[in-house]
Amino acid sequence: MTGDFNIRDSFWDLNFLFHSVHSDMLFDIADSFSLALSKPIENLPTMFSDNDQNSNSVLDLVFTQPSFMEFNSHHIHLDWISSSDHAPITVDIPIKDEDIPTKQRSLIKGSDEEN
């Protein structure tokens, strides 16, 4: 589960000093789906303000299943920002090369099995 949750909290934004009750509700919802907060590879902001009065912040979050350790981190790509004020986020999903044995079966046309 990922998205722009528009919740500032010191738990995921090291530059923000306060805790929000809304983050508790978000964690309750995520937990109901057996999801946990993914940690970024680097602690970077995900939203960039065009107003000098507001600071850049972390509003975009990723929740994954904690039982899949290889999915429990994500990348924030500052170099991919274009017209949006948010940095794109990716999660690497390893795909193992695996040979799955299969059997080919066919029916002979007009045979009793086909009928």
C-alpha atoms as a PDB file:
ATOM      1  CA  MET A   1       0.000   0.000   0.000  1.00  0.00           C
ATOM      2  CA  THR A   2       1.525   3.293  -0.998  1.00  0.00           C
ATOM      3  CA  GLY A   3       0.473   6.856  -1.534  1.00  0.00           C
ATOM      4  CA  ASP A   4       0.510  10.472  -0.515  1.00  0.00           C
ATOM      5  CA  PHE A   5      -1.046  10.249   2.954  1.00  0.00           C
ATOM      6  CA  ASN A   6      -0.602  13.971   3.774  1.00  0.00           C
ATOM      7  CA  ILE A   7       0.355  13.161   7.368  1.00  0.00           C
ATOM      8  CA  ARG A   8       3.456  14.716   8.881  1.00  0.00           C
ATOM      9  CA  ASP A   9       4.930  12.737  11.775  1.00  0.00           C
ATOM     10  CA  SER A  10       8.294  12.499  13.507  1.00  0.00           C
ATOM     11  CA  PHE A  11       8.153   8.726  13.120  1.00  0.00           C
ATOM     12  CA  TRP A  12       8.963   8.900   9.384  1.00  0.00           C
ATOM     13  CA  ASP A  13      10.091  12.517   8.955  1.00  0.00           C
ATOM     14  CA  LEU A  14      13.237  13.164  10.994  1.00  0.00           C
ATOM     15  CA  ASN A  15      12.901  16.936  10.412  1.00  0.00           C
ATOM     16  CA  PHE A  16       9.410  17.069  11.935  1.00  0.00           C
ATOM     17  CA  LEU A  17       9.232  17.197  15.724  1.00  0.00           C
ATOM     18  CA  PHE A  18       5.669  16.113  16.444  1.00  0.00           C
ATOM     19  CA  HIS A  19       3.524  12.991  16.509  1.00  0.00           C
ATOM     20  CA  SER A  20       0.111  12.934  14.841  1.00  0.00           C
ATOM     21  CA  VAL A  21      -2.943  11.005  16.020  1.00  0.00           C
ATOM     22  CA  HIS A  22      -3.697  10.491  12.304  1.00  0.00           C
ATOM     23  CA  SER A  23      -0.570   8.373  11.942  1.00  0.00           C
ATOM     24  CA  ASP A  24      -1.886   6.088  14.696  1.00  0.00           C
ATOM     25  CA  MET A  25      -5.072   5.577  12.699  1.00  0.00           C
ATOM     26  CA  LEU A  26      -3.056   4.940   9.535  1.00  0.00           C
ATOM     27  CA  PHE A  27      -0.968   2.304  11.351  1.00  0.00           C
ATOM     28  CA  ASP A  28      -4.156   0.653  12.654  1.00  0.00           C
ATOM     29  CA  ILE A  29      -5.536   0.428   9.115  1.00  0.00           C
ATOM     30  CA  ALA A  30      -2.251  -0.912   7.733  1.00  0.00           C
ATOM     31  CA  ASP A  31      -2.036  -3.453  10.562  1.00  0.00           C
ATOM     32  CA  SER A  32      -5.551  -4.686   9.768  1.00  0.00           C
ATOM     33  CA  PHE A  33      -4.167  -5.706   6.353  1.00  0.00           C
ATOM     34  CA  SER A  34      -0.984  -7.199   7.927  1.00  0.00           C
ATOM     35  CA  LEU A  35       1.127  -4.373   6.518  1.00  0.00           C
ATOM     36  CA  ALA A  36       4.001  -2.473   8.116  1.00  0.00           C
ATOM     37  CA  LEU A  37       5.775   0.754   7.237  1.00  0.00           C
ATOM     38  CA  SER A  38       8.638   0.267   4.792  1.00  0.00           C
ATOM     39  CA  LYS A  39      11.869   2.113   5.525  1.00  0.00           C
ATOM     40  CA  PRO A  40      13.519   4.150   2.752  1.00  0.00           C
ATOM     41  CA  ILE A  41      17.064   3.259   1.700  1.00  0.00           C
ATOM     42  CA  GLU A  42      17.915   6.924   2.395  1.00  0.00           C
ATOM     43  CA  ASN A  43      15.886   9.278   4.594  1.00  0.00           C
ATOM     44  CA  LEU A  44      14.875  11.902   2.049  1.00  0.00           C
ATOM     45  CA  PRO A  45      11.840  14.149   1.671  1.00  0.00           C
ATOM     46  CA  THR A  46       9.157  12.962  -0.719  1.00  0.00           C
ATOM     47  CA  MET A  47       7.279  16.256  -1.165  1.00  0.00           C
ATOM     48  CA  PHE A  48       8.919  19.531  -2.110  1.00  0.00           C
ATOM     49  CA  SER A  49       7.228  22.800  -1.276  1.00  0.00           C
ATOM     50  CA  ASP A  50       7.308  25.663  -3.759  1.00  0.00           C
ATOM     51  CA  ASN A  51       6.687  28.027  -0.840  1.00  0.00           C
ATOM     52  CA  ASP A  52       9.746  29.175   1.141  1.00  0.00           C
ATOM     53  CA  GLN A  53       7.551  29.317   4.272  1.00  0.00           C
ATOM     54  CA  ASN A  54       6.966  25.535   4.196  1.00  0.00           C
ATOM     55  CA  SER A  55       9.674  22.936   4.496  1.00  0.00           C
ATOM     56  CA  ASN A  56      10.080  19.856   2.353  1.00  0.00           C
ATOM     57  CA  SER A  57       8.554  16.834   4.035  1.00  0.00           C
ATOM     58  CA  VAL A  58       7.828  13.129   3.967  1.00  0.00           C
ATOM     59  CA  LEU A  59       4.191  12.603   3.005  1.00  0.00           C
ATOM     60  CA  ASP A  60       4.475   9.632   0.644  1.00  0.00           C
ATOM     61  CA  LEU A  61       4.702   6.307   2.446  1.00  0.00           C
ATOM     62  CA  VAL A  62       5.007   2.633   1.528  1.00  0.00           C
ATOM     63  CA  PHE A  63       3.511  -0.208   3.560  1.00  0.00           C
ATOM     64  CA  THR A  64       4.520  -3.813   2.826  1.00  0.00           C
ATOM     65  CA  GLN A  65       4.086  -7.228   4.381  1.00  0.00           C
ATOM     66  CA  PRO A  66       6.812  -7.638   7.011  1.00  0.00           C
ATOM     67  CA  SER A  67       7.138 -11.361   6.285  1.00  0.00           C
ATOM     68  CA  PHE A  68       8.756 -10.517   2.932  1.00  0.00           C
ATOM     69  CA  MET A  69      12.054  -8.993   4.068  1.00  0.00           C
ATOM     70  CA  GLU A  70      13.212  -8.268   0.508  1.00  0.00           C
ATOM     71  CA  PHE A  71      10.266  -5.857   0.052  1.00  0.00           C
ATOM     72  CA  ASN A  72      10.731  -3.919   3.295  1.00  0.00           C
ATOM     73  CA  SER A  73      12.688  -1.013   1.867  1.00  0.00           C
ATOM     74  CA  HIS A  74      12.109   1.450  -0.924  1.00  0.00           C
ATOM     75  CA  HIS A  75      13.966   4.052  -2.956  1.00  0.00           C
ATOM     76  CA  ILE A  76      13.077   7.736  -3.165  1.00  0.00           C
ATOM     77  CA  HIS A  77      14.210   9.108  -6.535  1.00  0.00           C
ATOM     78  CA  LEU A  78      14.959  12.821  -6.266  1.00  0.00           C
ATOM     79  CA  ASP A  79      16.524  12.755  -9.737  1.00  0.00           C
ATOM     80  CA  TRP A  80      13.208  11.618 -11.308  1.00  0.00           C
ATOM     81  CA  ILE A  81      11.167  14.645 -10.195  1.00  0.00           C
ATOM     82  CA  SER A  82       9.630  16.438 -13.155  1.00  0.00           C
ATOM     83  CA  SER A  83       6.480  18.560 -13.049  1.00  0.00           C
ATOM     84  CA  SER A  84       5.232  17.017  -9.794  1.00  0.00           C
ATOM     85  CA  ASP A  85       6.193  18.285  -6.347  1.00  0.00           C
ATOM     86  CA  HIS A  86       6.609  14.674  -5.186  1.00  0.00           C
ATOM     87  CA  ALA A  87       9.574  12.358  -5.667  1.00  0.00           C
ATOM     88  CA  PRO A  88       8.798   8.994  -7.294  1.00  0.00           C
ATOM     89  CA  ILE A  89       9.194   5.931  -5.064  1.00  0.00           C
ATOM     90  CA  THR A  90      10.105   2.410  -6.149  1.00  0.00           C
ATOM     91  CA  VAL A  91      10.265  -0.967  -4.441  1.00  0.00           C
ATOM     92  CA  ASP A  92      12.591  -3.616  -5.848  1.00  0.00           C
ATOM     93  CA  ILE A  93      10.878  -6.974  -6.219  1.00  0.00           C
ATOM     94  CA  PRO A  94      13.363  -9.782  -6.814  1.00  0.00           C
ATOM     95  CA  ILE A  95      12.204 -12.442  -9.226  1.00  0.00           C
ATOM     96  CA  LYS A  96      13.979 -15.745  -8.855  1.00  0.00           C
ATOM     97  CA  ASP A  97      14.877 -17.739 -11.930  1.00  0.00           C
ATOM     98  CA  GLU A  98      12.970 -20.966 -11.457  1.00  0.00           C
ATOM     99  CA  ASP A  99      12.318 -23.932 -13.707  1.00  0.00           C
ATOM    100  CA  ILE A 100       8.763 -25.168 -13.348  1.00  0.00           C
ATOM    101  CA  PRO A 101       8.342 -28.664 -14.748  1.00  0.00           C
ATOM    102  CA  THR A 102       5.283 -29.054 -16.929  1.00  0.00           C
ATOM    103  CA  LYS A 103       3.688 -31.906 -18.812  1.00  0.00           C
ATOM    104  CA  GLN A 104       2.068 -31.551 -22.159  1.00  0.00           C
ATOM    105  CA  ARG A 105      -1.095 -33.476 -22.674  1.00  0.00           C
ATOM    106  CA  SER A 106      -3.195 -33.674 -25.796  1.00  0.00           C
ATOM    107  CA  LEU A 107      -6.247 -35.457 -27.035  1.00  0.00           C
ATOM    108  CA  ILE A 108      -6.271 -37.197 -30.356  1.00  0.00           C
ATOM    109  CA  LYS A 109      -8.912 -35.747 -32.626  1.00  0.00           C
ATOM    110  CA  GLY A 110     -11.872 -38.074 -32.914  1.00  0.00           C
ATOM    111  CA  SER A 111     -10.780 -40.300 -30.004  1.00  0.00           C
ATOM    112  CA  ASP A 112     -13.107 -41.533 -27.245  1.00  0.00           C
ATOM    113  CA  GLU A 113     -11.346 -39.179 -24.773  1.00  0.00           C
ATOM    114  CA  GLU A 114     -12.106 -36.155 -26.942  1.00  0.00           C
ATOM    115  CA  ASN A 115     -15.792 -37.106 -27.192  1.00  0.00           C
END
